[in-house]
Amino acid sequence: MLSTSSGIRIGVRSVTLAVLALGIAAVAVPLAAAGGKQPAEDADKPSVQEESEQTLALMAAMSAHLDYLDKWHATMVDEEKVLLLAAQTIVEASTNTKSPKKGIDVLRDALAKTKPLQARNAIRFAIKDLLEEGGEWDAVIQEMAAVIAENAGGEAGK
């Protein structure tokens, strides 16, 4: 966010899109005044319409990138989302390298250090995914029993 001298807050995205729109207007107005025709000496240059279309495409790409950055920022400042993303990345990496045991060890270590219930649940479900990958069905049942007990107010893992 940007703040003006009068205290009005303006989003950076809004400013960027406004500047690009002004650039399009600066090109489109002379084109309209010339009846939509490009002068002969500029025949080898892209037409004003082509430049406008390119600018609009650039604006769309910039807008999509800014949306992506907004979502990424929102994820990185939310501890729960970061934990979910990290746990899922461990599952994917462990699965891709065919080493679910290594991922399980990392996740169990994280579980031992984690207090919030929602975070513990996410870690336990990630562990479950890796146990399934390794065909350890009895361990899957034990892990899910621990989730049920912990969420019902019982002690985890007992």
Protein backbone atom coordinates (compact mmCIF):
# COMPACT_ATOMS: atom_id res chain seq x y z
CA MET A 1 0.00 0.00 0.00
CA LEU A 2 1.09 3.55 -0.71
CA SER A 3 -0.13 6.52 1.30
CA THR A 4 -0.67 9.97 -0.18
CA SER A 5 0.10 13.21 1.67
CA SER A 6 -3.61 13.45 2.55
CA GLY A 7 -3.51 9.98 4.09
CA ILE A 8 -5.36 8.13 1.32
CA ARG A 9 -4.10 4.56 0.97
CA ILE A 10 -3.68 3.33 -2.60
CA GLY A 11 -2.77 -0.21 -3.60
CA VAL A 12 0.43 -0.60 -5.64
CA ARG A 13 -1.50 -2.78 -8.08
CA SER A 14 -4.07 -0.01 -8.65
CA VAL A 15 -1.31 2.51 -9.33
CA THR A 16 0.48 0.17 -11.75
CA LEU A 17 -2.69 -0.56 -13.71
CA ALA A 18 -3.63 3.14 -13.79
CA VAL A 19 -0.21 4.09 -15.20
CA LEU A 20 -0.51 1.43 -17.89
CA ALA A 21 -4.03 2.61 -18.75
CA LEU A 22 -2.74 6.17 -19.16
CA GLY A 23 -0.05 4.85 -21.51
CA ILE A 24 -2.72 3.15 -23.62
CA ALA A 25 -4.77 6.34 -23.70
CA ALA A 26 -1.71 8.33 -24.81
CA VAL A 27 -1.38 6.00 -27.79
CA ALA A 28 -5.07 5.52 -28.57
CA VAL A 29 -6.11 9.19 -28.61
CA PRO A 30 -3.70 10.21 -31.44
CA LEU A 31 -4.76 7.09 -33.36
CA ALA A 32 -8.40 8.10 -33.12
CA ALA A 33 -7.51 11.65 -34.19
CA ALA A 34 -5.72 10.29 -37.27
CA GLY A 35 -8.80 8.33 -38.23
CA GLY A 36 -7.21 5.05 -37.18
CA LYS A 37 -4.55 5.22 -39.91
CA GLN A 38 -0.83 5.07 -39.31
CA PRO A 39 1.41 7.61 -41.12
CA ALA A 40 3.34 6.15 -44.10
CA GLU A 41 6.78 6.88 -42.56
CA ASP A 42 5.90 4.61 -39.64
CA ALA A 43 4.85 1.67 -41.83
CA ASP A 44 7.69 -0.55 -40.57
CA LYS A 45 6.73 0.06 -36.94
CA PRO A 46 3.91 -1.79 -35.20
CA SER A 47 0.60 -0.01 -35.58
CA VAL A 48 -0.85 1.88 -32.65
CA GLN A 49 -3.54 -0.76 -32.42
CA GLU A 50 -0.89 -3.51 -32.26
CA GLU A 51 1.00 -1.57 -29.59
CA SER A 52 -2.23 -1.13 -27.65
CA GLU A 53 -2.97 -4.85 -27.88
CA GLN A 54 0.57 -5.65 -26.73
CA THR A 55 0.21 -3.22 -23.84
CA LEU A 56 -3.12 -4.78 -22.83
CA ALA A 57 -1.53 -8.24 -22.95
CA LEU A 58 1.32 -6.94 -20.77
CA MET A 59 -1.20 -5.46 -18.34
CA ALA A 60 -3.02 -8.79 -18.13
CA ALA A 61 0.25 -10.62 -17.48
CA MET A 62 1.28 -8.08 -14.83
CA SER A 63 -2.13 -8.34 -13.19
CA ALA A 64 -1.85 -12.15 -13.06
CA HIS A 65 1.65 -11.86 -11.59
CA LEU A 66 0.47 -9.38 -8.97
CA ASP A 67 -2.40 -11.75 -8.06
CA TYR A 68 0.15 -14.54 -7.67
CA LEU A 69 2.35 -12.37 -5.44
CA ASP A 70 -0.65 -11.35 -3.32
CA LYS A 71 -1.57 -15.00 -2.78
CA TRP A 72 2.03 -16.00 -2.07
CA HIS A 73 2.38 -13.20 0.50
CA ALA A 74 -0.92 -14.18 2.14
CA THR A 75 0.36 -17.76 2.40
CA MET A 76 3.77 -16.87 3.80
CA VAL A 77 2.39 -14.71 6.63
CA ASP A 78 -0.11 -17.37 7.74
CA GLU A 79 1.64 -19.89 9.99
CA GLU A 80 -0.98 -22.57 9.39
CA LYS A 81 -0.71 -22.28 5.60
CA VAL A 82 3.08 -22.36 5.79
CA LEU A 83 2.95 -25.53 7.89
CA LEU A 84 0.53 -27.20 5.46
CA LEU A 85 2.71 -26.24 2.51
CA ALA A 86 5.87 -27.50 4.22
CA ALA A 87 4.27 -30.80 5.28
CA GLN A 88 2.91 -31.42 1.79
CA THR A 89 6.29 -30.59 0.26
CA ILE A 90 7.94 -33.16 2.56
CA VAL A 91 5.37 -35.75 1.49
CA GLU A 92 5.95 -35.01 -2.21
CA ALA A 93 9.75 -35.03 -1.90
CA SER A 94 9.73 -38.24 0.13
CA THR A 95 7.37 -39.90 -2.34
CA ASN A 96 9.34 -38.75 -5.38
CA THR A 97 12.63 -39.98 -3.92
CA LYS A 98 10.97 -43.22 -2.76
CA SER A 99 12.10 -42.55 0.82
CA PRO A 100 8.92 -42.27 2.89
CA LYS A 101 10.83 -43.31 6.04
CA LYS A 102 13.02 -40.19 5.85
CA GLY A 103 9.95 -37.94 5.47
CA ILE A 104 8.20 -39.71 8.36
CA ASP A 105 11.23 -39.11 10.59
CA VAL A 106 11.29 -35.40 9.72
CA LEU A 107 7.55 -35.06 10.30
CA ARG A 108 7.62 -36.97 13.60
CA ASP A 109 10.41 -34.66 14.81
CA ALA A 110 8.27 -31.65 13.84
CA LEU A 111 5.24 -33.19 15.55
CA ALA A 112 7.19 -33.54 18.82
CA LYS A 113 7.92 -29.79 18.73
CA THR A 114 4.44 -28.64 17.67
CA LYS A 115 1.71 -27.55 20.10
CA PRO A 116 -1.30 -26.14 18.14
CA LEU A 117 -3.85 -28.87 17.45
CA GLN A 118 -4.52 -27.81 13.84
CA ALA A 119 -0.80 -27.95 13.09
CA ARG A 120 -0.48 -31.35 14.78
CA ASN A 121 -3.41 -32.64 12.70
CA ALA A 122 -1.77 -31.47 9.46
CA ILE A 123 1.52 -33.14 10.39
CA ARG A 124 -0.21 -36.39 11.38
CA PHE A 125 -2.11 -36.53 8.06
CA ALA A 126 1.15 -35.95 6.20
CA ILE A 127 2.69 -38.83 8.18
CA LYS A 128 -0.37 -40.94 7.28
CA ASP A 129 0.18 -40.21 3.58
CA LEU A 130 3.77 -41.43 3.80
CA LEU A 131 2.82 -44.50 5.81
CA GLU A 132 0.29 -45.38 3.11
CA GLU A 133 2.98 -44.86 0.48
CA GLY A 134 5.15 -47.39 2.30
CA GLY A 135 2.26 -49.84 2.73
CA GLU A 136 2.39 -49.58 6.54
CA TRP A 137 -1.35 -49.98 7.12
CA ASP A 138 -1.15 -50.86 10.82
CA ALA A 139 0.86 -47.70 11.42
CA VAL A 140 -1.76 -45.71 9.43
CA ILE A 141 -4.45 -47.01 11.79
CA GLN A 142 -2.36 -46.09 14.85
CA GLU A 143 -1.69 -42.59 13.48
CA MET A 144 -5.37 -41.96 12.77
CA ALA A 145 -6.33 -43.33 16.21
CA ALA A 146 -3.92 -40.76 17.68
CA VAL A 147 -5.63 -38.02 15.66
CA ILE A 148 -9.05 -39.11 16.96
CA ALA A 149 -7.84 -39.29 20.55
CA GLU A 150 -6.09 -35.94 20.43
CA ASN A 151 -9.03 -34.20 18.80
CA ALA A 152 -11.44 -35.76 21.29
CA GLY A 153 -9.38 -34.33 24.15
CA GLY A 154 -7.31 -37.42 24.88
CA GLU A 155 -3.53 -37.62 24.95
CA ALA A 156 -1.77 -37.88 21.59
CA GLY A 157 -0.30 -41.20 20.63
CA LYS A 158 -1.46 -43.13 23.74
